Amino acid sequence: MKGKLSQQVLDELDKVGELSQYLWQREWAERNGGNISIDLTDIFGELDCECEYKPLPLQLPKSCAGRIYFVKGTGQRIRELRDPAYAGCILRVNDQANAFQVVWGGKASNDFAPTSEFISHIKILESKRMAGSDHKAVIHTHPLELIAMSHHKDVVASSDLYTYTCWKMLPEVRAFVPRGIGVIPYALPSSEELADGTTAALLKHDVAIWEKHGATASGADVLQAFDFIDVANKGAKLYLMCKASGFEPEGVSQKNMDILKDVFNL
């Protein structure tokens, strides 16, 4: 690629480096677990690149043809995104939405390719864009307490109950995860079933929990997406701490949560 990245793009990449260390320090990103994608199209500027296009294993939504994304590489570790150019890349989708070219980064290998979850992330980002949302970033990670709570067969039985279990533990969870958590029943990682379920869930909820696997969220940037998962996980952690101490937590009453909803226009 000729020329330099714009300051706006560099700012988003700085956030990726910051986020990667949060996820690693929290033990939410073992080995190559977790992924990050950002739609940079609107801030990237002109593109002058003669790099070859490489085919994608599945067809992307036609609406993303020609768009430009940052994405973590397949097999790369989240902690290595402290250098986004090493473990990640910026790529352009071709006009048929079935191939990509790496236009920046991808230094980790000569055959650098996006994460296997790239297609699911694009589906989420495109659904948000079509809905008029300002969300440009998606993260998938493995928050310990949210995953642990998804092993509770009663709590995970419905999105409403799972959400309420987190909400009731702390007013801030109700306030900062106002649309709640959508439960995705266990599905094969990187499957189309999982991608479609997550896309639908995130149109209604702030966080999607993949049963016995992890969590996904979108945001205006990667730090907002992280905040949704981080705050939701605090609710799950408090619930599990109470259970581990031998008692069922009373939680904030539904009446008080309704008052909170009205006062803060949630």
C-alpha atoms as a PDB file:
ATOM      1  CA  MET A   1       0.000   0.000   0.000  1.00  0.00           C
ATOM      2  CA  LYS A   2       1.295   3.428  -0.893  1.00  0.00           C
ATOM      3  CA  GLY A   3       1.127   6.255   1.619  1.00  0.00           C
ATOM      4  CA  LYS A   4       0.560   6.282   5.377  1.00  0.00           C
ATOM      5  CA  LEU A   5      -2.420   5.314   7.480  1.00  0.00           C
ATOM      6  CA  SER A   6      -4.602   8.228   8.541  1.00  0.00           C
ATOM      7  CA  GLN A   7      -4.516   9.412  12.142  1.00  0.00           C
ATOM      8  CA  GLN A   8      -8.076   8.169  12.625  1.00  0.00           C
ATOM      9  CA  VAL A   9      -7.067   4.655  11.587  1.00  0.00           C
ATOM     10  CA  LEU A  10      -3.971   4.787  13.792  1.00  0.00           C
ATOM     11  CA  ASP A  11      -6.161   5.803  16.745  1.00  0.00           C
ATOM     12  CA  GLU A  12      -8.364   2.740  16.227  1.00  0.00           C
ATOM     13  CA  LEU A  13      -5.300   0.491  16.017  1.00  0.00           C
ATOM     14  CA  ASP A  14      -3.996   1.975  19.291  1.00  0.00           C
ATOM     15  CA  LYS A  15      -7.274   0.906  20.902  1.00  0.00           C
ATOM     16  CA  VAL A  16      -6.745  -2.621  19.563  1.00  0.00           C
ATOM     17  CA  GLY A  17      -3.329  -2.755  21.223  1.00  0.00           C
ATOM     18  CA  GLU A  18      -4.816  -1.503  24.503  1.00  0.00           C
ATOM     19  CA  LEU A  19      -7.715  -3.948  24.391  1.00  0.00           C
ATOM     20  CA  SER A  20      -5.496  -6.925  23.593  1.00  0.00           C
ATOM     21  CA  GLN A  21      -3.681  -6.510  26.896  1.00  0.00           C
ATOM     22  CA  TYR A  22      -6.920  -6.191  28.883  1.00  0.00           C
ATOM     23  CA  LEU A  23      -8.209  -9.474  27.430  1.00  0.00           C
ATOM     24  CA  TRP A  24      -4.936 -11.288  28.068  1.00  0.00           C
ATOM     25  CA  GLN A  25      -4.532 -10.019  31.632  1.00  0.00           C
ATOM     26  CA  ARG A  26      -8.084 -11.094  32.491  1.00  0.00           C
ATOM     27  CA  GLU A  27      -7.351 -14.620  31.202  1.00  0.00           C
ATOM     28  CA  TRP A  28     -10.064 -14.178  28.592  1.00  0.00           C
ATOM     29  CA  ALA A  29      -7.842 -15.015  25.615  1.00  0.00           C
ATOM     30  CA  GLU A  30      -5.934 -18.268  25.995  1.00  0.00           C
ATOM     31  CA  ARG A  31      -3.550 -19.146  23.157  1.00  0.00           C
ATOM     32  CA  ASN A  32      -5.223 -17.889  19.945  1.00  0.00           C
ATOM     33  CA  GLY A  33      -8.690 -17.639  21.497  1.00  0.00           C
ATOM     34  CA  GLY A  34     -10.779 -14.579  20.720  1.00  0.00           C
ATOM     35  CA  ASN A  35     -11.052 -12.222  17.786  1.00  0.00           C
ATOM     36  CA  ILE A  36     -11.347  -8.539  16.901  1.00  0.00           C
ATOM     37  CA  SER A  37     -12.681  -6.919  13.727  1.00  0.00           C
ATOM     38  CA  ILE A  38     -13.224  -3.258  12.815  1.00  0.00           C
ATOM     39  CA  ASP A  39     -14.889  -1.669   9.783  1.00  0.00           C
ATOM     40  CA  LEU A  40     -12.455   1.070   8.738  1.00  0.00           C
ATOM     41  CA  THR A  41     -14.062   1.877   5.402  1.00  0.00           C
ATOM     42  CA  ASP A  42     -15.351   5.335   6.302  1.00  0.00           C
ATOM     43  CA  ILE A  43     -12.038   6.569   7.739  1.00  0.00           C
ATOM     44  CA  PHE A  44      -9.475   4.761   5.624  1.00  0.00           C
ATOM     45  CA  GLY A  45      -9.265   7.164   2.700  1.00  0.00           C
ATOM     46  CA  GLU A  46      -8.076   6.281  -0.793  1.00  0.00           C
ATOM     47  CA  LEU A  47      -6.576   2.856  -1.372  1.00  0.00           C
ATOM     48  CA  ASP A  48      -3.751   2.221  -3.815  1.00  0.00           C
ATOM     49  CA  CYS A  49      -2.765  -1.427  -3.560  1.00  0.00           C
ATOM     50  CA  GLU A  50      -1.824  -4.004  -6.171  1.00  0.00           C
ATOM     51  CA  CYS A  51      -1.683  -6.952  -3.774  1.00  0.00           C
ATOM     52  CA  GLU A  52      -3.209 -10.186  -5.014  1.00  0.00           C
ATOM     53  CA  TYR A  53      -6.653 -11.283  -3.900  1.00  0.00           C
ATOM     54  CA  LYS A  54      -7.028 -14.534  -1.997  1.00  0.00           C
ATOM     55  CA  PRO A  55     -10.307 -16.496  -1.975  1.00  0.00           C
ATOM     56  CA  LEU A  56     -12.460 -16.708   1.140  1.00  0.00           C
ATOM     57  CA  PRO A  57     -13.855 -20.119   2.171  1.00  0.00           C
ATOM     58  CA  LEU A  58     -17.430 -18.784   2.215  1.00  0.00           C
ATOM     59  CA  GLN A  59     -19.313 -16.018   0.452  1.00  0.00           C
ATOM     60  CA  LEU A  60     -19.570 -12.765   2.403  1.00  0.00           C
ATOM     61  CA  PRO A  61     -22.711 -10.613   2.348  1.00  0.00           C
ATOM     62  CA  LYS A  62     -22.777  -8.793  -0.997  1.00  0.00           C
ATOM     63  CA  SER A  63     -23.196  -5.479   0.822  1.00  0.00           C
ATOM     64  CA  CYS A  64     -19.616  -5.622   2.145  1.00  0.00           C
ATOM     65  CA  ALA A  65     -18.043  -5.681  -1.335  1.00  0.00           C
ATOM     66  CA  GLY A  66     -15.188  -3.183  -1.507  1.00  0.00           C
ATOM     67  CA  ARG A  67     -15.190  -2.482   2.231  1.00  0.00           C
ATOM     68  CA  ILE A  68     -12.028  -2.277   4.336  1.00  0.00           C
ATOM     69  CA  TYR A  69     -11.553  -4.012   7.687  1.00  0.00           C
ATOM     70  CA  PHE A  70      -8.981  -4.574  10.391  1.00  0.00           C
ATOM     71  CA  VAL A  71      -9.037  -8.178  11.618  1.00  0.00           C
ATOM     72  CA  LYS A  72      -6.946 -10.519  13.741  1.00  0.00           C
ATOM     73  CA  GLY A  73      -5.184 -13.247  11.794  1.00  0.00           C
ATOM     74  CA  THR A  74      -6.111 -16.913  11.955  1.00  0.00           C
ATOM     75  CA  GLY A  75      -4.012 -18.711  14.562  1.00  0.00           C
ATOM     76  CA  GLN A  76      -2.636 -15.462  15.990  1.00  0.00           C
ATOM     77  CA  ARG A  77      -2.731 -14.680  19.691  1.00  0.00           C
ATOM     78  CA  ILE A  78      -4.709 -11.793  21.142  1.00  0.00           C
ATOM     79  CA  ARG A  79      -1.738 -10.777  23.284  1.00  0.00           C
ATOM     80  CA  GLU A  80       0.322 -10.353  20.091  1.00  0.00           C
ATOM     81  CA  LEU A  81      -2.053  -7.597  18.989  1.00  0.00           C
ATOM     82  CA  ARG A  82       0.000  -5.249  21.130  1.00  0.00           C
ATOM     83  CA  ASP A  83       1.549  -4.904  17.665  1.00  0.00           C
ATOM     84  CA  PRO A  84      -1.547  -4.812  15.427  1.00  0.00           C
ATOM     85  CA  ALA A  85       0.595  -5.023  12.268  1.00  0.00           C
ATOM     86  CA  TYR A  86       2.026  -8.364  13.412  1.00  0.00           C
ATOM     87  CA  ALA A  87      -1.009 -10.367  14.550  1.00  0.00           C
ATOM     88  CA  GLY A  88      -3.596  -8.418  12.574  1.00  0.00           C
ATOM     89  CA  CYS A  89      -4.046  -6.901   9.159  1.00  0.00           C
ATOM     90  CA  ILE A  90      -6.116  -4.404   7.235  1.00  0.00           C
ATOM     91  CA  LEU A  91      -7.789  -6.020   4.261  1.00  0.00           C
ATOM     92  CA  ARG A  92     -10.083  -5.054   1.429  1.00  0.00           C
ATOM     93  CA  VAL A  93     -12.953  -7.267   0.292  1.00  0.00           C
ATOM     94  CA  ASN A  94     -13.183  -7.620  -3.476  1.00  0.00           C
ATOM     95  CA  ASP A  95     -16.128  -6.443  -5.572  1.00  0.00           C
ATOM     96  CA  GLN A  96     -17.663  -9.930  -5.599  1.00  0.00           C
ATOM     97  CA  ALA A  97     -17.384 -10.280  -1.794  1.00  0.00           C
ATOM     98  CA  ASN A  98     -15.685 -13.663  -2.076  1.00  0.00           C
ATOM     99  CA  ALA A  99     -11.979 -12.752  -1.762  1.00  0.00           C
ATOM    100  CA  PHE A 100      -9.682 -10.362   0.092  1.00  0.00           C
ATOM    101  CA  GLN A 101      -6.368  -8.596  -0.286  1.00  0.00           C
ATOM    102  CA  VAL A 102      -4.112  -7.686   2.651  1.00  0.00           C
ATOM    103  CA  VAL A 103      -3.266  -3.987   2.302  1.00  0.00           C
ATOM    104  CA  TRP A 104      -1.439  -3.458   5.619  1.00  0.00           C
ATOM    105  CA  GLY A 105       0.083  -5.590   8.366  1.00  0.00           C
ATOM    106  CA  GLY A 106      -0.029  -9.371   8.425  1.00  0.00           C
ATOM    107  CA  LYS A 107       3.643  -9.594   9.339  1.00  0.00           C
ATOM    108  CA  ALA A 108       3.252 -12.837  11.302  1.00  0.00           C
ATOM    109  CA  SER A 109       3.348 -15.031   8.191  1.00  0.00           C
ATOM    110  CA  ASN A 110       3.735 -14.949   4.419  1.00  0.00           C
ATOM    111  CA  ASP A 111       0.299 -16.489   3.929  1.00  0.00           C
ATOM    112  CA  PHE A 112      -1.514 -14.308   6.467  1.00  0.00           C
ATOM    113  CA  ALA A 113      -5.287 -14.786   6.467  1.00  0.00           C
ATOM    114  CA  PRO A 114      -8.144 -13.436   8.593  1.00  0.00           C
ATOM    115  CA  THR A 115      -9.573 -15.371  11.511  1.00  0.00           C
ATOM    116  CA  SER A 116     -12.046 -18.137  10.699  1.00  0.00           C
ATOM    117  CA  GLU A 117     -14.671 -16.031  12.503  1.00  0.00           C
ATOM    118  CA  PHE A 118     -14.189 -13.141  10.053  1.00  0.00           C
ATOM    119  CA  ILE A 119     -17.348 -14.006   8.141  1.00  0.00           C
ATOM    120  CA  SER A 120     -19.472 -14.017  11.299  1.00  0.00           C
ATOM    121  CA  HIS A 121     -18.005 -10.651  12.312  1.00  0.00           C
ATOM    122  CA  ILE A 122     -18.806  -9.180   8.901  1.00  0.00           C
ATOM    123  CA  LYS A 123     -22.381 -10.398   9.162  1.00  0.00           C
ATOM    124  CA  ILE A 124     -22.695  -8.636  12.518  1.00  0.00           C
ATOM    125  CA  LEU A 125     -21.106  -5.407  11.265  1.00  0.00           C
ATOM    126  CA  GLU A 126     -23.217  -5.353   8.106  1.00  0.00           C
ATOM    127  CA  SER A 127     -26.437  -6.015  10.036  1.00  0.00           C
ATOM    128  CA  LYS A 128     -25.581  -3.121  12.350  1.00  0.00           C
ATOM    129  CA  ARG A 129     -24.755  -0.841   9.421  1.00  0.00           C
ATOM    130  CA  MET A 130     -28.010  -1.699   7.654  1.00  0.00           C
ATOM    131  CA  ALA A 131     -29.904  -0.983  10.873  1.00  0.00           C
ATOM    132  CA  GLY A 132     -28.355   2.504  11.070  1.00  0.00           C
ATOM    133  CA  SER A 133     -26.143   1.712  14.071  1.00  0.00           C
ATOM    134  CA  ASP A 134     -22.826   3.486  14.646  1.00  0.00           C
ATOM    135  CA  HIS A 135     -21.192   0.190  15.645  1.00  0.00           C
ATOM    136  CA  LYS A 136     -17.968  -0.399  13.709  1.00  0.00           C
ATOM    137  CA  ALA A 137     -16.205  -2.979  15.882  1.00  0.00           C
ATOM    138  CA  VAL A 138     -16.820  -6.552  17.027  1.00  0.00           C
ATOM    139  CA  ILE A 139     -14.953  -8.534  19.647  1.00  0.00           C
ATOM    140  CA  HIS A 140     -15.260 -12.177  20.636  1.00  0.00           C
ATOM    141  CA  THR A 141     -13.585 -13.286  23.848  1.00  0.00           C
ATOM    142  CA  HIS A 142     -13.814 -15.868  26.626  1.00  0.00           C
ATOM    143  CA  PRO A 143     -14.911 -14.098  29.854  1.00  0.00           C
ATOM    144  CA  LEU A 144     -14.605 -16.622  32.641  1.00  0.00           C
ATOM    145  CA  GLU A 145     -17.665 -15.892  34.732  1.00  0.00           C
ATOM    146  CA  LEU A 146     -20.077 -15.392  31.838  1.00  0.00           C
ATOM    147  CA  ILE A 147     -18.962 -18.755  30.453  1.00  0.00           C
ATOM    148  CA  ALA A 148     -19.185 -20.448  33.861  1.00  0.00           C
ATOM    149  CA  MET A 149     -22.732 -19.176  34.319  1.00  0.00           C
ATOM    150  CA  SER A 150     -23.674 -20.526  30.884  1.00  0.00           C
ATOM    151  CA  HIS A 151     -23.022 -24.022  32.291  1.00  0.00           C
ATOM    152  CA  HIS A 152     -25.909 -23.457  34.763  1.00  0.00           C
ATOM    153  CA  LYS A 153     -28.715 -25.303  32.976  1.00  0.00           C
ATOM    154  CA  ASP A 154     -31.470 -23.264  34.644  1.00  0.00           C
ATOM    155  CA  VAL A 155     -29.955 -19.804  34.200  1.00  0.00           C
ATOM    156  CA  VAL A 156     -28.954 -20.387  30.578  1.00  0.00           C
ATOM    157  CA  ALA A 157     -32.416 -21.677  29.653  1.00  0.00           C
ATOM    158  CA  SER A 158     -33.489 -18.236  28.403  1.00  0.00           C
ATOM    159  CA  SER A 159     -31.973 -14.890  27.493  1.00  0.00           C
ATOM    160  CA  ASP A 160     -34.370 -13.140  29.866  1.00  0.00           C
ATOM    161  CA  LEU A 161     -33.320 -15.197  32.884  1.00  0.00           C
ATOM    162  CA  TYR A 162     -29.624 -15.027  32.048  1.00  0.00           C
ATOM    163  CA  THR A 163     -29.889 -11.242  31.669  1.00  0.00           C
ATOM    164  CA  TYR A 164     -31.863 -10.809  34.897  1.00  0.00           C
ATOM    165  CA  THR A 165     -29.338 -12.914  36.823  1.00  0.00           C
ATOM    166  CA  CYS A 166     -26.584 -10.471  35.788  1.00  0.00           C
ATOM    167  CA  TRP A 167     -28.686  -7.317  36.056  1.00  0.00           C
ATOM    168  CA  LYS A 168     -29.866  -7.988  39.606  1.00  0.00           C
ATOM    169  CA  MET A 169     -26.352  -8.193  41.036  1.00  0.00           C
ATOM    170  CA  LEU A 170     -25.369  -4.540  40.538  1.00  0.00           C
ATOM    171  CA  PRO A 171     -27.259  -1.419  39.377  1.00  0.00           C
ATOM    172  CA  GLU A 172     -24.432  -0.574  36.964  1.00  0.00           C
ATOM    173  CA  VAL A 173     -25.002  -3.817  35.061  1.00  0.00           C
ATOM    174  CA  ARG A 174     -28.617  -2.793  34.460  1.00  0.00           C
ATOM    175  CA  ALA A 175     -27.493   0.708  33.492  1.00  0.00           C
ATOM    176  CA  PHE A 176     -24.553  -0.106  31.214  1.00  0.00           C
ATOM    177  CA  VAL A 177     -25.866  -3.275  29.587  1.00  0.00           C
ATOM    178  CA  PRO A 178     -29.385  -1.906  29.078  1.00  0.00           C
ATOM    179  CA  ARG A 179     -30.434  -4.244  26.266  1.00  0.00           C
ATOM    180  CA  GLY A 180     -29.261  -7.303  28.117  1.00  0.00           C
ATOM    181  CA  ILE A 181     -27.626 -10.546  27.030  1.00  0.00           C
ATOM    182  CA  GLY A 182     -28.783 -12.888  24.301  1.00  0.00           C
ATOM    183  CA  VAL A 183     -28.102 -16.598  24.805  1.00  0.00           C
ATOM    184  CA  ILE A 184     -26.916 -18.604  21.795  1.00  0.00           C
ATOM    185  CA  PRO A 185     -27.342 -22.366  22.390  1.00  0.00           C
ATOM    186  CA  TYR A 186     -24.153 -24.349  21.944  1.00  0.00           C
ATOM    187  CA  ALA A 187     -23.081 -24.557  18.301  1.00  0.00           C
ATOM    188  CA  LEU A 188     -19.903 -25.514  16.473  1.00  0.00           C
ATOM    189  CA  PRO A 189     -17.352 -22.655  16.598  1.00  0.00           C
ATOM    190  CA  SER A 190     -17.071 -20.744  13.311  1.00  0.00           C
ATOM    191  CA  SER A 191     -20.274 -22.356  12.033  1.00  0.00           C
ATOM    192  CA  GLU A 192     -22.875 -20.479   9.997  1.00  0.00           C
ATOM    193  CA  GLU A 193     -25.462 -21.443  12.622  1.00  0.00           C
ATOM    194  CA  LEU A 194     -23.446 -19.653  15.293  1.00  0.00           C
ATOM    195  CA  ALA A 195     -22.801 -16.640  13.058  1.00  0.00           C
ATOM    196  CA  ASP A 196     -26.469 -16.191  12.185  1.00  0.00           C
ATOM    197  CA  GLY A 197     -27.611 -16.653  15.776  1.00  0.00           C
ATOM    198  CA  THR A 198     -25.101 -14.089  17.030  1.00  0.00           C
ATOM    199  CA  THR A 199     -26.030 -11.573  14.332  1.00  0.00           C
ATOM    200  CA  ALA A 200     -29.700 -11.813  15.277  1.00  0.00           C
ATOM    201  CA  ALA A 201     -28.977 -11.639  19.015  1.00  0.00           C
ATOM    202  CA  LEU A 202     -26.849  -8.502  18.744  1.00  0.00           C
ATOM    203  CA  LEU A 203     -29.610  -6.641  16.929  1.00  0.00           C
ATOM    204  CA  LYS A 204     -31.617  -6.943  20.161  1.00  0.00           C
ATOM    205  CA  HIS A 205     -28.984  -7.268  22.902  1.00  0.00           C
ATOM    206  CA  ASP A 206     -25.704  -5.638  23.952  1.00  0.00           C
ATOM    207  CA  VAL A 207     -23.929  -8.963  24.460  1.00  0.00           C
ATOM    208  CA  ALA A 208     -24.338 -12.419  22.954  1.00  0.00           C
ATOM    209  CA  ILE A 209     -23.232 -15.321  25.146  1.00  0.00           C
ATOM    210  CA  TRP A 210     -22.212 -18.468  23.299  1.00  0.00           C
ATOM    211  CA  GLU A 211     -23.237 -21.286  25.627  1.00  0.00           C
ATOM    212  CA  LYS A 212     -20.184 -22.992  27.153  1.00  0.00           C
ATOM    213  CA  HIS A 213     -17.835 -21.017  24.873  1.00  0.00           C
ATOM    214  CA  GLY A 214     -17.585 -17.230  25.060  1.00  0.00           C
ATOM    215  CA  ALA A 215     -19.153 -13.853  24.461  1.00  0.00           C
ATOM    216  CA  THR A 216     -19.431 -11.428  21.557  1.00  0.00           C
ATOM    217  CA  ALA A 217     -20.326  -7.746  21.464  1.00  0.00           C
ATOM    218  CA  SER A 218     -20.194  -4.842  19.056  1.00  0.00           C
ATOM    219  CA  GLY A 219     -19.585  -1.165  19.685  1.00  0.00           C
ATOM    220  CA  ALA A 220     -18.704   2.163  18.121  1.00  0.00           C
ATOM    221  CA  ASP A 221     -15.114   1.087  18.796  1.00  0.00           C
ATOM    222  CA  VAL A 222     -13.424  -1.918  20.372  1.00  0.00           C
ATOM    223  CA  LEU A 223     -13.349  -0.334  23.830  1.00  0.00           C
ATOM    224  CA  GLN A 224     -17.115   0.180  23.901  1.00  0.00           C
ATOM    225  CA  ALA A 225     -17.633  -3.414  22.774  1.00  0.00           C
ATOM    226  CA  PHE A 226     -15.282  -4.518  25.570  1.00  0.00           C
ATOM    227  CA  ASP A 227     -17.208  -2.443  28.129  1.00  0.00           C
ATOM    228  CA  PHE A 228     -20.451  -4.281  27.365  1.00  0.00           C
ATOM    229  CA  ILE A 229     -18.831  -7.655  28.023  1.00  0.00           C
ATOM    230  CA  ASP A 230     -16.769  -6.434  30.986  1.00  0.00           C
ATOM    231  CA  VAL A 231     -19.792  -5.000  32.808  1.00  0.00           C
ATOM    232  CA  ALA A 232     -21.968  -8.029  32.046  1.00  0.00           C
ATOM    233  CA  ASN A 233     -19.218 -10.280  33.362  1.00  0.00           C
ATOM    234  CA  LYS A 234     -19.164  -8.327  36.644  1.00  0.00           C
ATOM    235  CA  GLY A 235     -22.790  -9.340  37.197  1.00  0.00           C
ATOM    236  CA  ALA A 236     -21.995 -13.002  36.513  1.00  0.00           C
ATOM    237  CA  LYS A 237     -18.935 -12.867  38.766  1.00  0.00           C
ATOM    238  CA  LEU A 238     -20.889 -11.428  41.701  1.00  0.00           C
ATOM    239  CA  TYR A 239     -23.602 -14.052  41.270  1.00  0.00           C
ATOM    240  CA  LEU A 240     -21.076 -16.895  41.271  1.00  0.00           C
ATOM    241  CA  MET A 241     -19.253 -15.416  44.280  1.00  0.00           C
ATOM    242  CA  CYS A 242     -22.491 -15.463  46.261  1.00  0.00           C
ATOM    243  CA  LYS A 243     -23.240 -19.027  45.205  1.00  0.00           C
ATOM    244  CA  ALA A 244     -19.687 -20.100  46.104  1.00  0.00           C
ATOM    245  CA  SER A 245     -20.193 -18.515  49.548  1.00  0.00           C
ATOM    246  CA  GLY A 246     -23.148 -20.800  50.097  1.00  0.00           C
ATOM    247  CA  PHE A 247     -26.151 -18.538  49.633  1.00  0.00           C
ATOM    248  CA  GLU A 248     -28.548 -17.538  46.897  1.00  0.00           C
ATOM    249  CA  PRO A 249     -28.148 -13.792  46.276  1.00  0.00           C
ATOM    250  CA  GLU A 250     -31.237 -11.713  46.880  1.00  0.00           C
ATOM    251  CA  GLY A 251     -30.287  -9.233  44.184  1.00  0.00           C
ATOM    252  CA  VAL A 252     -31.783  -5.861  43.365  1.00  0.00           C
ATOM    253  CA  SER A 253     -35.561  -6.219  43.309  1.00  0.00           C
ATOM    254  CA  GLN A 254     -37.508  -5.989  40.074  1.00  0.00           C
ATOM    255  CA  LYS A 255     -39.276  -2.932  41.514  1.00  0.00           C
ATOM    256  CA  ASN A 256     -35.967  -1.130  42.085  1.00  0.00           C
ATOM    257  CA  MET A 257     -34.695  -2.135  38.655  1.00  0.00           C
ATOM    258  CA  ASP A 258     -37.859  -0.688  37.116  1.00  0.00           C
ATOM    259  CA  ILE A 259     -37.234   2.556  39.002  1.00  0.00           C
ATOM    260  CA  LEU A 260     -33.653   2.583  37.711  1.00  0.00           C
ATOM    261  CA  LYS A 261     -34.954   2.052  34.184  1.00  0.00           C
ATOM    262  CA  ASP A 262     -37.343   4.989  34.462  1.00  0.00           C
ATOM    263  CA  VAL A 263     -34.897   7.399  36.118  1.00  0.00           C
ATOM    264  CA  PHE A 264     -32.099   6.753  33.636  1.00  0.00           C
ATOM    265  CA  ASN A 265     -34.390   6.277  30.630  1.00  0.00           C
ATOM    266  CA  LEU A 266     -32.942   2.832  29.910  1.00  0.00           C
END
